[in-house]
Amino acid sequence: MAKPAKPRVKSAAEWAYERVILYIRDFEGHLNADQEVAMGFAGSDAGVLRIEGVGYSAPDILTFYGRDEDGAKTQLIQHISQLSVMLHARPQADPTEAPRRIGFRLNAGWSGGESGDGSA
């Protein structure tokens, strides 16, 4: 009789990544047709990041990629013990296009960017 395979152990970062994606998906499900999800930096005056990708580095780092309010590429690298994300509904970046819904792409394994690192 063959031994059952051991379940793969996920790092704390991978668990946090998966939960953040679920929150993004749920949040996007309540947006108007002309809104997109953005992330505020809790406890900071750093502004808002229009989320284009999320990633993690095991065992304990999450990364958020996107653009700031001026359109500059932005990346937040955060230890999971400091994780505090505020999701914002923002007017879509380009009103002539459909609003971006990243939650479903992230959940399907999309990591964004041409380099595969989740960057925009």
C-alpha atoms as a PDB file:
ATOM      1  CA  MET A   1       0.000   0.000   0.000  1.00  0.00           C
ATOM      2  CA  ALA A   2       1.451   3.368  -1.051  1.00  0.00           C
ATOM      3  CA  LYS A   3       1.886   6.107   1.487  1.00  0.00           C
ATOM      4  CA  PRO A   4      -0.332   9.115   0.899  1.00  0.00           C
ATOM      5  CA  ALA A   5       1.610  12.117  -0.333  1.00  0.00           C
ATOM      6  CA  LYS A   6       2.411  14.726   2.288  1.00  0.00           C
ATOM      7  CA  PRO A   7       0.528  17.951   1.739  1.00  0.00           C
ATOM      8  CA  ARG A   8       2.762  20.784   0.598  1.00  0.00           C
ATOM      9  CA  VAL A   9       3.454  23.223   3.393  1.00  0.00           C
ATOM     10  CA  LYS A  10       2.805  26.837   2.432  1.00  0.00           C
ATOM     11  CA  SER A  11       4.907  29.660   3.804  1.00  0.00           C
ATOM     12  CA  ALA A  12       3.273  32.444   5.783  1.00  0.00           C
ATOM     13  CA  ALA A  13       3.872  34.744   2.800  1.00  0.00           C
ATOM     14  CA  GLU A  14       2.045  32.398   0.432  1.00  0.00           C
ATOM     15  CA  TRP A  15      -0.933  32.172   2.812  1.00  0.00           C
ATOM     16  CA  ALA A  16      -1.037  35.981   3.122  1.00  0.00           C
ATOM     17  CA  TYR A  17      -0.721  36.388  -0.671  1.00  0.00           C
ATOM     18  CA  GLU A  18      -3.672  34.064  -1.285  1.00  0.00           C
ATOM     19  CA  ARG A  19      -5.827  35.849   1.284  1.00  0.00           C
ATOM     20  CA  VAL A  20      -4.975  39.317  -0.076  1.00  0.00           C
ATOM     21  CA  ILE A  21      -6.020  38.145  -3.554  1.00  0.00           C
ATOM     22  CA  LEU A  22      -9.340  36.914  -2.160  1.00  0.00           C
ATOM     23  CA  TYR A  23      -9.919  40.317  -0.554  1.00  0.00           C
ATOM     24  CA  ILE A  24      -9.074  42.083  -3.837  1.00  0.00           C
ATOM     25  CA  ARG A  25     -11.469  39.840  -5.770  1.00  0.00           C
ATOM     26  CA  ASP A  26     -14.261  40.476  -3.288  1.00  0.00           C
ATOM     27  CA  PHE A  27     -13.594  44.231  -3.276  1.00  0.00           C
ATOM     28  CA  GLU A  28     -13.614  44.376  -7.088  1.00  0.00           C
ATOM     29  CA  GLY A  29     -16.934  42.544  -7.103  1.00  0.00           C
ATOM     30  CA  HIS A  30     -18.520  45.584  -5.431  1.00  0.00           C
ATOM     31  CA  LEU A  31     -16.997  48.282  -7.665  1.00  0.00           C
ATOM     32  CA  ASN A  32     -18.939  50.365 -10.153  1.00  0.00           C
ATOM     33  CA  ALA A  33     -18.264  49.835 -13.847  1.00  0.00           C
ATOM     34  CA  ASP A  34     -16.016  52.911 -13.958  1.00  0.00           C
ATOM     35  CA  GLN A  35     -13.875  52.081 -10.899  1.00  0.00           C
ATOM     36  CA  GLU A  36     -10.679  50.104 -10.325  1.00  0.00           C
ATOM     37  CA  VAL A  37      -8.953  48.856  -7.183  1.00  0.00           C
ATOM     38  CA  ALA A  38      -6.082  50.797  -5.669  1.00  0.00           C
ATOM     39  CA  MET A  39      -4.210  50.343  -2.413  1.00  0.00           C
ATOM     40  CA  GLY A  40      -3.569  52.941   0.249  1.00  0.00           C
ATOM     41  CA  PHE A  41      -0.536  52.784   2.496  1.00  0.00           C
ATOM     42  CA  ALA A  42      -1.975  52.590   5.991  1.00  0.00           C
ATOM     43  CA  GLY A  43      -0.195  54.850   8.473  1.00  0.00           C
ATOM     44  CA  SER A  44       1.694  56.671   5.730  1.00  0.00           C
ATOM     45  CA  ASP A  45       1.487  59.728   3.509  1.00  0.00           C
ATOM     46  CA  ALA A  46       2.923  57.730   0.591  1.00  0.00           C
ATOM     47  CA  GLY A  47      -0.309  58.022  -1.374  1.00  0.00           C
ATOM     48  CA  VAL A  48      -2.164  55.383  -3.350  1.00  0.00           C
ATOM     49  CA  LEU A  49      -0.917  52.531  -5.529  1.00  0.00           C
ATOM     50  CA  ARG A  50      -3.107  51.425  -8.452  1.00  0.00           C
ATOM     51  CA  ILE A  51      -2.517  47.677  -8.072  1.00  0.00           C
ATOM     52  CA  GLU A  52      -1.276  45.869 -11.186  1.00  0.00           C
ATOM     53  CA  GLY A  53       0.320  42.854  -9.511  1.00  0.00           C
ATOM     54  CA  VAL A  54       0.924  41.120  -6.220  1.00  0.00           C
ATOM     55  CA  GLY A  55       3.658  38.659  -5.363  1.00  0.00           C
ATOM     56  CA  TYR A  56       5.427  37.065  -2.447  1.00  0.00           C
ATOM     57  CA  SER A  57       8.827  35.779  -1.450  1.00  0.00           C
ATOM     58  CA  ALA A  58       8.775  32.917   1.028  1.00  0.00           C
ATOM     59  CA  PRO A  59       8.837  32.808   3.886  1.00  0.00           C
ATOM     60  CA  ASP A  60       7.641  36.287   4.860  1.00  0.00           C
ATOM     61  CA  ILE A  61       7.617  39.050   2.200  1.00  0.00           C
ATOM     62  CA  LEU A  62       4.694  40.352   0.109  1.00  0.00           C
ATOM     63  CA  THR A  63       5.133  42.718  -2.816  1.00  0.00           C
ATOM     64  CA  PHE A  64       2.606  45.006  -4.478  1.00  0.00           C
ATOM     65  CA  TYR A  65       3.296  46.450  -7.930  1.00  0.00           C
ATOM     66  CA  GLY A  66       1.528  49.199  -9.800  1.00  0.00           C
ATOM     67  CA  ARG A  67       1.446  52.911 -10.480  1.00  0.00           C
ATOM     68  CA  ASP A  68       1.125  55.872  -8.161  1.00  0.00           C
ATOM     69  CA  GLU A  69      -1.261  58.788  -8.661  1.00  0.00           C
ATOM     70  CA  ASP A  70       1.191  60.385 -11.119  1.00  0.00           C
ATOM     71  CA  GLY A  71       1.519  57.174 -13.177  1.00  0.00           C
ATOM     72  CA  ALA A  72       5.050  56.361 -11.964  1.00  0.00           C
ATOM     73  CA  LYS A  73       5.919  52.682 -11.455  1.00  0.00           C
ATOM     74  CA  THR A  74       5.670  51.856  -7.768  1.00  0.00           C
ATOM     75  CA  GLN A  75       6.476  48.787  -5.698  1.00  0.00           C
ATOM     76  CA  LEU A  76       5.808  48.111  -2.026  1.00  0.00           C
ATOM     77  CA  ILE A  77       7.864  45.395  -0.341  1.00  0.00           C
ATOM     78  CA  GLN A  78       6.421  44.483   3.027  1.00  0.00           C
ATOM     79  CA  HIS A  79       7.073  41.927   5.757  1.00  0.00           C
ATOM     80  CA  ILE A  80       3.905  40.004   6.565  1.00  0.00           C
ATOM     81  CA  SER A  81       4.074  41.037  10.220  1.00  0.00           C
ATOM     82  CA  GLN A  82       3.596  44.638   9.054  1.00  0.00           C
ATOM     83  CA  LEU A  83       0.860  43.871   6.504  1.00  0.00           C
ATOM     84  CA  SER A  84      -1.823  46.520   6.558  1.00  0.00           C
ATOM     85  CA  VAL A  85      -3.558  47.128   3.238  1.00  0.00           C
ATOM     86  CA  MET A  86      -6.357  49.580   2.599  1.00  0.00           C
ATOM     87  CA  LEU A  87      -8.203  48.969  -0.674  1.00  0.00           C
ATOM     88  CA  HIS A  88      -9.624  52.030  -2.452  1.00  0.00           C
ATOM     89  CA  ALA A  89     -12.146  52.413  -5.261  1.00  0.00           C
ATOM     90  CA  ARG A  90     -10.612  54.796  -7.803  1.00  0.00           C
ATOM     91  CA  PRO A  91     -11.892  56.092 -11.137  1.00  0.00           C
ATOM     92  CA  GLN A  92     -10.452  53.923 -13.882  1.00  0.00           C
ATOM     93  CA  ALA A  93      -7.134  55.096 -15.272  1.00  0.00           C
ATOM     94  CA  ASP A  94      -8.350  55.203 -18.887  1.00  0.00           C
ATOM     95  CA  PRO A  95     -12.090  55.872 -19.222  1.00  0.00           C
ATOM     96  CA  THR A  96     -12.021  54.764 -22.879  1.00  0.00           C
ATOM     97  CA  GLU A  97     -11.122  51.192 -21.837  1.00  0.00           C
ATOM     98  CA  ALA A  98     -12.882  48.661 -19.638  1.00  0.00           C
ATOM     99  CA  PRO A  99     -11.838  48.927 -15.970  1.00  0.00           C
ATOM    100  CA  ARG A 100      -9.020  46.598 -14.920  1.00  0.00           C
ATOM    101  CA  ARG A 101     -10.075  43.690 -12.739  1.00  0.00           C
ATOM    102  CA  ILE A 102      -6.899  42.094 -11.457  1.00  0.00           C
ATOM    103  CA  GLY A 103      -8.309  39.801  -8.775  1.00  0.00           C
ATOM    104  CA  PHE A 104      -9.310  37.057 -11.180  1.00  0.00           C
ATOM    105  CA  ARG A 105      -6.012  37.204 -13.097  1.00  0.00           C
ATOM    106  CA  LEU A 106      -4.033  37.072  -9.853  1.00  0.00           C
ATOM    107  CA  ASN A 107      -6.060  34.158  -8.594  1.00  0.00           C
ATOM    108  CA  ALA A 108      -5.442  32.283 -11.845  1.00  0.00           C
ATOM    109  CA  GLY A 109      -1.691  32.533 -11.342  1.00  0.00           C
ATOM    110  CA  TRP A 110      -1.028  35.747 -13.247  1.00  0.00           C
ATOM    111  CA  SER A 111       1.956  37.470 -11.745  1.00  0.00           C
ATOM    112  CA  GLY A 112       1.981  40.477 -14.052  1.00  0.00           C
ATOM    113  CA  GLY A 113       4.696  42.154 -16.006  1.00  0.00           C
ATOM    114  CA  GLU A 114       6.758  40.847 -18.864  1.00  0.00           C
ATOM    115  CA  SER A 115       9.492  39.668 -16.500  1.00  0.00           C
ATOM    116  CA  GLY A 116       7.074  37.467 -14.562  1.00  0.00           C
ATOM    117  CA  ASP A 117       7.922  39.203 -11.307  1.00  0.00           C
ATOM    118  CA  GLY A 118       4.518  40.835 -10.940  1.00  0.00           C
ATOM    119  CA  SER A 119       5.778  44.224 -12.083  1.00  0.00           C
ATOM    120  CA  ALA A 120       3.679  46.362 -14.346  1.00  0.00           C
END
